[in-house]
Amino acid sequence: MTSKGNDLRTPFARANGLGSAKSGTAHFWRQRMSAVALIPLAIWFVVSALTMVGANLAEVLVFFDSPVNAILMFLFLFAALYHMTLGLQVVIEDYIHQEGIKLLVLMLNRFFAIAVGFATAFALLKIAL
């Protein structure tokens, strides 16, 4: 009764229990949504960076003293770090096959993003306030 011709189960029933089909979709959408958020934020960042070429430190501090610019920079950095973390997670999961090393590198990926996020948020708050 186990041959394919005699199996009366549906394809879903045969595949059920063979692995998760839930988390990949959420990861896919998070990656795409962060990419979409980065489009206008990256345009703002590039334009802002080009206007700051040749500016001295005082001019840059005045630029980020504006709440709009500080918030946009924070959003840009948050979206970029989140997008980077999601992308590196996929690369790590695909190319590192030893479970212990994979877990360590995944944790380092997340900790690095959190550390950079806190450092940049602190710097922006210090400038803006």
Protein backbone atom coordinates (compact mmCIF):
# COMPACT_ATOMS: atom_id res chain seq x y z
CA MET A 1 0.00 0.00 0.00
CA THR A 2 2.99 2.34 0.14
CA SER A 3 3.65 2.58 -3.57
CA LYS A 4 2.76 5.84 -5.29
CA GLY A 5 0.03 4.29 -7.40
CA ASN A 6 -1.90 2.99 -4.42
CA ASP A 7 -1.40 5.97 -2.09
CA LEU A 8 -4.77 7.63 -1.54
CA ARG A 9 -3.40 10.57 0.43
CA THR A 10 -3.43 14.06 -1.04
CA PRO A 11 -0.14 15.76 -1.95
CA PHE A 12 -0.58 17.98 1.13
CA ALA A 13 -0.96 14.96 3.40
CA ARG A 14 2.18 13.37 1.92
CA ALA A 15 4.18 16.57 2.42
CA ASN A 16 2.75 17.35 5.84
CA GLY A 17 5.41 17.06 8.51
CA LEU A 18 8.34 17.23 6.09
CA GLY A 19 9.32 20.77 7.02
CA SER A 20 8.01 24.20 7.70
CA ALA A 21 6.36 26.16 4.95
CA LYS A 22 5.50 29.13 7.15
CA SER A 23 8.59 31.15 8.07
CA GLY A 24 9.98 31.47 4.54
CA THR A 25 7.04 33.55 3.37
CA ALA A 26 7.28 35.95 6.30
CA HIS A 27 11.02 36.33 5.74
CA PHE A 28 10.43 36.96 2.03
CA TRP A 29 7.88 39.71 2.74
CA ARG A 30 10.03 41.36 5.42
CA GLN A 31 12.92 41.49 2.96
CA ARG A 32 10.72 42.98 0.24
CA MET A 33 9.04 45.51 2.55
CA SER A 34 12.38 46.73 3.88
CA ALA A 35 13.62 47.03 0.29
CA VAL A 36 10.58 49.11 -0.66
CA ALA A 37 11.08 51.33 2.41
CA LEU A 38 14.72 51.81 1.44
CA ILE A 39 13.90 53.22 -2.00
CA PRO A 40 12.74 56.70 -0.92
CA LEU A 41 15.02 56.69 2.12
CA ALA A 42 18.09 55.88 0.00
CA ILE A 43 17.17 58.63 -2.46
CA TRP A 44 16.89 61.08 0.45
CA PHE A 45 20.22 59.83 1.84
CA VAL A 46 22.10 60.20 -1.45
CA VAL A 47 20.69 63.69 -2.09
CA SER A 48 21.50 64.72 1.49
CA ALA A 49 25.01 63.29 1.29
CA LEU A 50 25.65 65.09 -1.99
CA THR A 51 24.51 68.40 -0.50
CA MET A 52 26.92 67.83 2.42
CA VAL A 53 29.97 67.38 0.18
CA GLY A 54 32.47 70.02 1.23
CA ALA A 55 30.48 70.99 4.32
CA ASN A 56 32.25 71.45 7.62
CA LEU A 57 31.28 69.75 10.86
CA ALA A 58 29.10 72.63 12.04
CA GLU A 59 27.00 72.53 8.86
CA VAL A 60 26.50 68.78 9.16
CA LEU A 61 25.48 69.14 12.81
CA VAL A 62 22.97 71.85 11.86
CA PHE A 63 21.59 69.55 9.16
CA PHE A 64 21.00 66.72 11.64
CA ASP A 65 19.74 69.13 14.29
CA SER A 66 16.55 69.32 12.22
CA PRO A 67 14.05 66.73 13.54
CA VAL A 68 12.97 65.75 10.01
CA ASN A 69 16.53 64.99 8.90
CA ALA A 70 17.37 63.16 12.14
CA ILE A 71 14.22 61.01 11.88
CA LEU A 72 14.80 60.25 8.20
CA MET A 73 18.40 59.26 8.93
CA PHE A 74 17.26 57.02 11.78
CA LEU A 75 14.64 55.38 9.53
CA PHE A 76 17.19 54.91 6.76
CA LEU A 77 19.70 53.29 9.11
CA PHE A 78 17.06 51.09 10.77
CA ALA A 79 15.69 49.89 7.41
CA ALA A 80 19.19 49.32 6.00
CA LEU A 81 20.37 47.37 9.05
CA TYR A 82 17.19 45.30 9.12
CA HIS A 83 17.44 44.57 5.38
CA MET A 84 21.14 43.70 5.76
CA THR A 85 20.42 41.34 8.66
CA LEU A 86 17.70 39.52 6.71
CA GLY A 87 19.87 39.21 3.62
CA LEU A 88 22.91 37.94 5.52
CA GLN A 89 20.71 35.46 7.36
CA VAL A 90 19.78 33.85 4.06
CA VAL A 91 23.41 33.73 2.94
CA ILE A 92 24.51 32.23 6.26
CA GLU A 93 21.73 29.62 6.22
CA ASP A 94 22.52 28.66 2.63
CA TYR A 95 26.32 28.43 2.81
CA ILE A 96 27.24 27.45 6.38
CA HIS A 97 26.36 23.83 6.97
CA GLN A 98 27.72 23.12 10.45
CA GLU A 99 24.89 23.89 12.89
CA GLY A 100 27.08 25.23 15.72
CA ILE A 101 28.97 27.63 13.49
CA LYS A 102 25.77 28.62 11.70
CA LEU A 103 24.10 29.53 15.00
CA LEU A 104 27.15 31.49 16.14
CA VAL A 105 27.36 33.47 12.89
CA LEU A 106 23.60 34.13 12.91
CA MET A 107 23.89 35.50 16.44
CA LEU A 108 26.89 37.64 15.49
CA ASN A 109 24.93 38.97 12.51
CA ARG A 110 22.05 40.01 14.74
CA PHE A 111 24.29 41.40 17.51
CA PHE A 112 26.29 43.45 15.00
CA ALA A 113 23.12 45.02 13.59
CA ILE A 114 21.82 45.79 17.09
CA ALA A 115 25.14 47.32 18.18
CA VAL A 116 25.40 49.51 15.08
CA GLY A 117 21.73 50.48 15.45
CA PHE A 118 22.16 51.55 19.07
CA ALA A 119 25.38 53.44 18.31
CA THR A 120 23.85 55.37 15.43
CA ALA A 121 20.61 56.04 17.34
CA PHE A 122 22.65 57.35 20.27
CA ALA A 123 24.72 59.57 17.98
CA LEU A 124 21.62 60.95 16.26
CA LEU A 125 19.89 61.61 19.58
CA LYS A 126 22.99 63.34 20.90
CA ILE A 127 23.11 65.59 17.83
CA ALA A 128 19.36 66.24 17.66
CA LEU A 129 18.93 66.94 21.36
